Amino acid sequence: MSEAYGLDRYIEDLRDISSKTNDQDEIFRLLTPLSRRLALDGSWVSQKYYDINPDMGYGVHLLHEEADHSLAIMAVAWEPGGSAPPHDHGTWAVVAGIDGIERNIRYNRVDDRSQSGYARLEVKHELDAGPGDVICMKDGGIHSVRNDSDIVSLSLHTYGKHFNFTDRSQYNLETNEQQDFIVPVD
């Protein structure tokens, strides 16, 4: 029987990794198996992490962040049919599925970035992420998320910095508008 891997140990490992490298590919290589292990362990998951903000269709629960808002860890729950618009994080992200299936749609930005508040996106690819699946996104990566199932899905999100303290944006696919994106976090 393998030893339980809890949130405190994950935080220690995350601090250790971030103290040794800023290279996003190296962070992803080292953090992916750890985030998968924590997501699959489940002993640390509280029922309150499944709570949804009814105005958003999802709930974001802060589990950890450093005093400077770096190394943010969150549990994110998506109600059936819940979704988030295309957005970036303003930092790197590692997302590991805990419960249910989440549809992730990745985008390429195809405009020349010369017009403030304007961004044209094209779908790059789509994938479903379930328990133990890990998705890594570099700073500047754009995606949207939706829960197409009939149960609440839950995932573990680890960020280089708490996204509400970055210059994060959301994108409107119909109007090509780019706006600031701040979300309530419990």
C-alpha atoms as a PDB file:
ATOM      1  CA  MET A   1       0.000   0.000   0.000  1.00  0.00           C
ATOM      2  CA  SER A   2       1.451   3.373  -0.964  1.00  0.00           C
ATOM      3  CA  GLU A   3       1.714   6.189   1.535  1.00  0.00           C
ATOM      4  CA  ALA A   4      -0.987   8.883   1.387  1.00  0.00           C
ATOM      5  CA  TYR A   5       0.112  12.023  -0.404  1.00  0.00           C
ATOM      6  CA  GLY A   6      -1.568  15.065   1.083  1.00  0.00           C
ATOM      7  CA  LEU A   7      -1.801  18.760   0.422  1.00  0.00           C
ATOM      8  CA  ASP A   8       0.961  19.696   2.900  1.00  0.00           C
ATOM      9  CA  ARG A   9       3.454  17.425   1.157  1.00  0.00           C
ATOM     10  CA  TYR A  10       2.378  18.749  -2.245  1.00  0.00           C
ATOM     11  CA  ILE A  11       2.982  22.330  -1.054  1.00  0.00           C
ATOM     12  CA  GLU A  12       6.466  21.359   0.184  1.00  0.00           C
ATOM     13  CA  ASP A  13       7.261  19.717  -3.150  1.00  0.00           C
ATOM     14  CA  LEU A  14       5.895  22.697  -5.094  1.00  0.00           C
ATOM     15  CA  ARG A  15       8.056  25.098  -3.080  1.00  0.00           C
ATOM     16  CA  ASP A  16      11.090  22.897  -3.680  1.00  0.00           C
ATOM     17  CA  ILE A  17      10.484  22.761  -7.441  1.00  0.00           C
ATOM     18  CA  SER A  18       9.902  26.503  -7.742  1.00  0.00           C
ATOM     19  CA  SER A  19      13.068  27.246  -5.747  1.00  0.00           C
ATOM     20  CA  LYS A  20      15.140  25.264  -8.248  1.00  0.00           C
ATOM     21  CA  THR A  21      13.729  26.368 -11.615  1.00  0.00           C
ATOM     22  CA  ASN A  22      11.648  28.969 -13.429  1.00  0.00           C
ATOM     23  CA  ASP A  23      11.607  26.937 -16.636  1.00  0.00           C
ATOM     24  CA  GLN A  24       7.972  26.110 -17.333  1.00  0.00           C
ATOM     25  CA  ASP A  25       8.719  22.854 -19.160  1.00  0.00           C
ATOM     26  CA  GLU A  26      10.817  21.656 -16.220  1.00  0.00           C
ATOM     27  CA  ILE A  27       8.105  22.708 -13.747  1.00  0.00           C
ATOM     28  CA  PHE A  28       5.558  20.732 -15.778  1.00  0.00           C
ATOM     29  CA  ARG A  29       7.837  17.673 -15.949  1.00  0.00           C
ATOM     30  CA  LEU A  30       8.344  17.665 -12.186  1.00  0.00           C
ATOM     31  CA  LEU A  31       4.878  18.775 -11.089  1.00  0.00           C
ATOM     32  CA  THR A  32       2.728  16.595 -13.376  1.00  0.00           C
ATOM     33  CA  PRO A  33       3.264  13.299 -11.500  1.00  0.00           C
ATOM     34  CA  LEU A  34       2.849  15.045  -8.141  1.00  0.00           C
ATOM     35  CA  SER A  35      -0.398  16.771  -9.083  1.00  0.00           C
ATOM     36  CA  ARG A  36      -1.702  13.477 -10.502  1.00  0.00           C
ATOM     37  CA  ARG A  37      -0.755  11.707  -7.261  1.00  0.00           C
ATOM     38  CA  LEU A  38      -2.509  14.327  -5.121  1.00  0.00           C
ATOM     39  CA  ALA A  39      -5.607  14.339  -7.331  1.00  0.00           C
ATOM     40  CA  LEU A  40      -5.901  10.549  -7.196  1.00  0.00           C
ATOM     41  CA  ASP A  41      -5.196  10.313  -3.449  1.00  0.00           C
ATOM     42  CA  GLY A  42      -8.414  12.106  -2.504  1.00  0.00           C
ATOM     43  CA  SER A  43      -7.875  11.902   1.265  1.00  0.00           C
ATOM     44  CA  TRP A  44      -7.535  15.699   1.433  1.00  0.00           C
ATOM     45  CA  VAL A  45     -10.693  16.471  -0.594  1.00  0.00           C
ATOM     46  CA  SER A  46     -13.474  18.108   1.416  1.00  0.00           C
ATOM     47  CA  GLN A  47     -17.125  18.040   0.380  1.00  0.00           C
ATOM     48  CA  LYS A  48     -17.100  21.867   0.473  1.00  0.00           C
ATOM     49  CA  TYR A  49     -14.779  21.856  -2.557  1.00  0.00           C
ATOM     50  CA  TYR A  50     -17.792  20.712  -4.593  1.00  0.00           C
ATOM     51  CA  ASP A  51     -19.682  23.935  -3.761  1.00  0.00           C
ATOM     52  CA  ILE A  52     -20.655  25.977  -6.814  1.00  0.00           C
ATOM     53  CA  ASN A  53     -21.090  29.737  -7.186  1.00  0.00           C
ATOM     54  CA  PRO A  54     -24.559  29.778  -8.801  1.00  0.00           C
ATOM     55  CA  ASP A  55     -23.811  33.027 -10.640  1.00  0.00           C
ATOM     56  CA  MET A  56     -20.811  31.475 -12.398  1.00  0.00           C
ATOM     57  CA  GLY A  57     -21.651  27.788 -12.807  1.00  0.00           C
ATOM     58  CA  TYR A  58     -18.441  26.831 -11.039  1.00  0.00           C
ATOM     59  CA  GLY A  59     -16.774  27.292  -7.664  1.00  0.00           C
ATOM     60  CA  VAL A  60     -13.146  28.179  -6.968  1.00  0.00           C
ATOM     61  CA  HIS A  61     -11.721  27.227  -3.565  1.00  0.00           C
ATOM     62  CA  LEU A  62      -8.291  28.499  -2.531  1.00  0.00           C
ATOM     63  CA  LEU A  63      -6.228  25.786  -0.841  1.00  0.00           C
ATOM     64  CA  HIS A  64      -2.881  27.589  -0.648  1.00  0.00           C
ATOM     65  CA  GLU A  65      -0.921  30.590  -1.831  1.00  0.00           C
ATOM     66  CA  GLU A  66       2.302  32.186  -0.674  1.00  0.00           C
ATOM     67  CA  ALA A  67       2.270  35.679   0.892  1.00  0.00           C
ATOM     68  CA  ASP A  68       3.280  37.189  -2.475  1.00  0.00           C
ATOM     69  CA  HIS A  69       0.366  35.333  -4.183  1.00  0.00           C
ATOM     70  CA  SER A  70       2.725  32.879  -5.893  1.00  0.00           C
ATOM     71  CA  LEU A  71       2.241  29.107  -5.907  1.00  0.00           C
ATOM     72  CA  ALA A  72      -1.552  29.202  -5.741  1.00  0.00           C
ATOM     73  CA  ILE A  73      -3.392  25.905  -5.382  1.00  0.00           C
ATOM     74  CA  MET A  74      -7.154  25.702  -5.887  1.00  0.00           C
ATOM     75  CA  ALA A  75      -9.934  23.162  -6.113  1.00  0.00           C
ATOM     76  CA  VAL A  76     -12.386  24.051  -8.887  1.00  0.00           C
ATOM     77  CA  ALA A  77     -15.854  22.503  -9.141  1.00  0.00           C
ATOM     78  CA  TRP A  78     -17.977  22.693 -12.304  1.00  0.00           C
ATOM     79  CA  GLU A  79     -21.732  22.166 -12.208  1.00  0.00           C
ATOM     80  CA  PRO A  80     -23.288  20.053 -14.966  1.00  0.00           C
ATOM     81  CA  GLY A  81     -23.464  22.362 -17.975  1.00  0.00           C
ATOM     82  CA  GLY A  82     -21.144  24.864 -16.266  1.00  0.00           C
ATOM     83  CA  SER A  83     -18.456  26.569 -18.289  1.00  0.00           C
ATOM     84  CA  ALA A  84     -15.882  29.338 -18.348  1.00  0.00           C
ATOM     85  CA  PRO A  85     -15.260  31.514 -21.404  1.00  0.00           C
ATOM     86  CA  PRO A  86     -11.953  31.378 -23.235  1.00  0.00           C
ATOM     87  CA  HIS A  87      -9.338  32.828 -20.890  1.00  0.00           C
ATOM     88  CA  ASP A  88      -5.677  32.862 -20.009  1.00  0.00           C
ATOM     89  CA  HIS A  89      -4.189  32.768 -16.526  1.00  0.00           C
ATOM     90  CA  GLY A  90      -1.380  35.311 -16.696  1.00  0.00           C
ATOM     91  CA  THR A  91       0.874  32.541 -15.379  1.00  0.00           C
ATOM     92  CA  TRP A  92       1.602  28.849 -15.908  1.00  0.00           C
ATOM     93  CA  ALA A  93      -1.018  26.319 -14.844  1.00  0.00           C
ATOM     94  CA  VAL A  94      -1.162  22.606 -14.030  1.00  0.00           C
ATOM     95  CA  VAL A  95      -4.667  21.121 -13.790  1.00  0.00           C
ATOM     96  CA  ALA A  96      -5.337  17.567 -12.575  1.00  0.00           C
ATOM     97  CA  GLY A  97      -8.724  15.863 -12.713  1.00  0.00           C
ATOM     98  CA  ILE A  98     -10.140  14.598  -9.422  1.00  0.00           C
ATOM     99  CA  ASP A  99     -13.764  13.688 -10.142  1.00  0.00           C
ATOM    100  CA  GLY A 100     -15.877  13.749 -13.305  1.00  0.00           C
ATOM    101  CA  ILE A 101     -14.874  14.817 -16.804  1.00  0.00           C
ATOM    102  CA  GLU A 102     -14.050  18.345 -17.953  1.00  0.00           C
ATOM    103  CA  ARG A 103     -13.911  19.388 -21.599  1.00  0.00           C
ATOM    104  CA  ASN A 104     -10.892  21.616 -22.266  1.00  0.00           C
ATOM    105  CA  ILE A 105     -10.750  23.625 -25.476  1.00  0.00           C
ATOM    106  CA  ARG A 106      -7.370  25.140 -26.324  1.00  0.00           C
ATOM    107  CA  TYR A 107      -7.036  28.156 -28.605  1.00  0.00           C
ATOM    108  CA  ASN A 108      -4.404  29.826 -30.725  1.00  0.00           C
ATOM    109  CA  ARG A 109      -4.428  33.597 -30.814  1.00  0.00           C
ATOM    110  CA  VAL A 110      -4.230  34.522 -34.510  1.00  0.00           C
ATOM    111  CA  ASP A 111      -4.455  38.336 -34.578  1.00  0.00           C
ATOM    112  CA  ASP A 112      -1.330  40.492 -34.678  1.00  0.00           C
ATOM    113  CA  ARG A 113      -1.957  41.869 -31.143  1.00  0.00           C
ATOM    114  CA  SER A 114      -1.762  45.439 -32.427  1.00  0.00           C
ATOM    115  CA  GLN A 115      -5.239  46.498 -31.260  1.00  0.00           C
ATOM    116  CA  SER A 116      -5.833  46.856 -27.518  1.00  0.00           C
ATOM    117  CA  GLY A 117      -8.882  44.951 -26.285  1.00  0.00           C
ATOM    118  CA  TYR A 118      -9.087  42.876 -29.479  1.00  0.00           C
ATOM    119  CA  ALA A 119      -8.106  39.236 -29.865  1.00  0.00           C
ATOM    120  CA  ARG A 120      -9.054  36.751 -32.551  1.00  0.00           C
ATOM    121  CA  LEU A 121      -8.869  33.090 -31.531  1.00  0.00           C
ATOM    122  CA  GLU A 122      -9.069  29.783 -33.370  1.00  0.00           C
ATOM    123  CA  VAL A 123      -9.656  26.391 -31.784  1.00  0.00           C
ATOM    124  CA  LYS A 124      -6.380  24.484 -31.547  1.00  0.00           C
ATOM    125  CA  HIS A 125      -7.733  21.240 -30.073  1.00  0.00           C
ATOM    126  CA  GLU A 126     -10.215  19.808 -27.586  1.00  0.00           C
ATOM    127  CA  LEU A 127      -9.755  17.103 -24.998  1.00  0.00           C
ATOM    128  CA  ASP A 128     -11.618  15.538 -22.118  1.00  0.00           C
ATOM    129  CA  ALA A 129      -9.810  15.363 -18.782  1.00  0.00           C
ATOM    130  CA  GLY A 130     -10.908  12.952 -16.076  1.00  0.00           C
ATOM    131  CA  PRO A 131      -9.512  11.668 -12.784  1.00  0.00           C
ATOM    132  CA  GLY A 132      -5.710  11.591 -12.897  1.00  0.00           C
ATOM    133  CA  ASP A 133      -5.459  13.369 -16.235  1.00  0.00           C
ATOM    134  CA  VAL A 134      -3.130  16.383 -16.120  1.00  0.00           C
ATOM    135  CA  ILE A 135      -3.195  19.412 -18.403  1.00  0.00           C
ATOM    136  CA  CYS A 136      -0.321  21.912 -18.428  1.00  0.00           C
ATOM    137  CA  MET A 137      -0.603  25.419 -19.841  1.00  0.00           C
ATOM    138  CA  LYS A 138       2.233  27.849 -20.292  1.00  0.00           C
ATOM    139  CA  ASP A 139       1.886  31.516 -19.437  1.00  0.00           C
ATOM    140  CA  GLY A 140      -0.126  32.995 -22.311  1.00  0.00           C
ATOM    141  CA  GLY A 141      -1.988  29.771 -23.081  1.00  0.00           C
ATOM    142  CA  ILE A 142      -5.710  30.252 -23.735  1.00  0.00           C
ATOM    143  CA  HIS A 143      -8.438  27.714 -23.041  1.00  0.00           C
ATOM    144  CA  SER A 144     -12.068  27.336 -22.070  1.00  0.00           C
ATOM    145  CA  VAL A 145     -13.611  24.677 -19.854  1.00  0.00           C
ATOM    146  CA  ARG A 146     -17.046  23.110 -19.664  1.00  0.00           C
ATOM    147  CA  ASN A 147     -18.687  20.214 -17.880  1.00  0.00           C
ATOM    148  CA  ASP A 148     -20.840  18.297 -20.358  1.00  0.00           C
ATOM    149  CA  SER A 149     -21.731  15.583 -17.828  1.00  0.00           C
ATOM    150  CA  ASP A 150     -24.634  15.273 -15.408  1.00  0.00           C
ATOM    151  CA  ILE A 151     -22.460  15.337 -12.253  1.00  0.00           C
ATOM    152  CA  VAL A 152     -20.311  18.012 -10.613  1.00  0.00           C
ATOM    153  CA  SER A 153     -16.694  17.705 -11.718  1.00  0.00           C
ATOM    154  CA  LEU A 154     -13.743  18.638  -9.520  1.00  0.00           C
ATOM    155  CA  SER A 155     -10.150  19.417 -10.433  1.00  0.00           C
ATOM    156  CA  LEU A 156      -6.930  20.509  -8.741  1.00  0.00           C
ATOM    157  CA  HIS A 157      -5.401  23.703 -10.164  1.00  0.00           C
ATOM    158  CA  THR A 158      -1.843  24.821  -9.440  1.00  0.00           C
ATOM    159  CA  TYR A 159      -0.631  28.199 -10.694  1.00  0.00           C
ATOM    160  CA  GLY A 160       2.679  30.019 -10.647  1.00  0.00           C
ATOM    161  CA  LYS A 161       0.735  32.964  -9.265  1.00  0.00           C
ATOM    162  CA  HIS A 162      -2.863  33.451  -8.085  1.00  0.00           C
ATOM    163  CA  PHE A 163      -4.635  34.419 -11.313  1.00  0.00           C
ATOM    164  CA  ASN A 164      -6.533  37.336  -9.735  1.00  0.00           C
ATOM    165  CA  PHE A 165      -3.130  38.993  -9.208  1.00  0.00           C
ATOM    166  CA  THR A 166      -2.005  38.717 -12.834  1.00  0.00           C
ATOM    167  CA  ASP A 167      -3.102  40.571 -15.966  1.00  0.00           C
ATOM    168  CA  ARG A 168      -5.449  37.744 -16.877  1.00  0.00           C
ATOM    169  CA  SER A 169      -7.938  38.116 -19.737  1.00  0.00           C
ATOM    170  CA  GLN A 170     -11.121  36.526 -20.997  1.00  0.00           C
ATOM    171  CA  TYR A 171     -12.022  36.445 -24.678  1.00  0.00           C
ATOM    172  CA  ASN A 172     -15.340  36.734 -26.517  1.00  0.00           C
ATOM    173  CA  LEU A 173     -15.311  34.507 -29.597  1.00  0.00           C
ATOM    174  CA  GLU A 174     -18.216  36.353 -31.254  1.00  0.00           C
ATOM    175  CA  THR A 175     -16.993  39.944 -30.822  1.00  0.00           C
ATOM    176  CA  ASN A 176     -13.235  39.235 -30.563  1.00  0.00           C
ATOM    177  CA  GLU A 177     -13.217  41.371 -27.422  1.00  0.00           C
ATOM    178  CA  GLN A 178     -10.501  40.873 -24.790  1.00  0.00           C
ATOM    179  CA  GLN A 179     -11.359  41.921 -21.221  1.00  0.00           C
ATOM    180  CA  ASP A 180      -9.913  41.593 -17.730  1.00  0.00           C
ATOM    181  CA  PHE A 181     -10.988  38.371 -15.996  1.00  0.00           C
ATOM    182  CA  ILE A 182     -11.330  38.302 -12.215  1.00  0.00           C
ATOM    183  CA  VAL A 183     -13.359  35.570 -10.510  1.00  0.00           C
ATOM    184  CA  PRO A 184     -14.593  35.179  -6.933  1.00  0.00           C
ATOM    185  CA  VAL A 185     -12.474  32.725  -4.961  1.00  0.00           C
ATOM    186  CA  ASP A 186     -13.561  31.150  -1.656  1.00  0.00           C
END
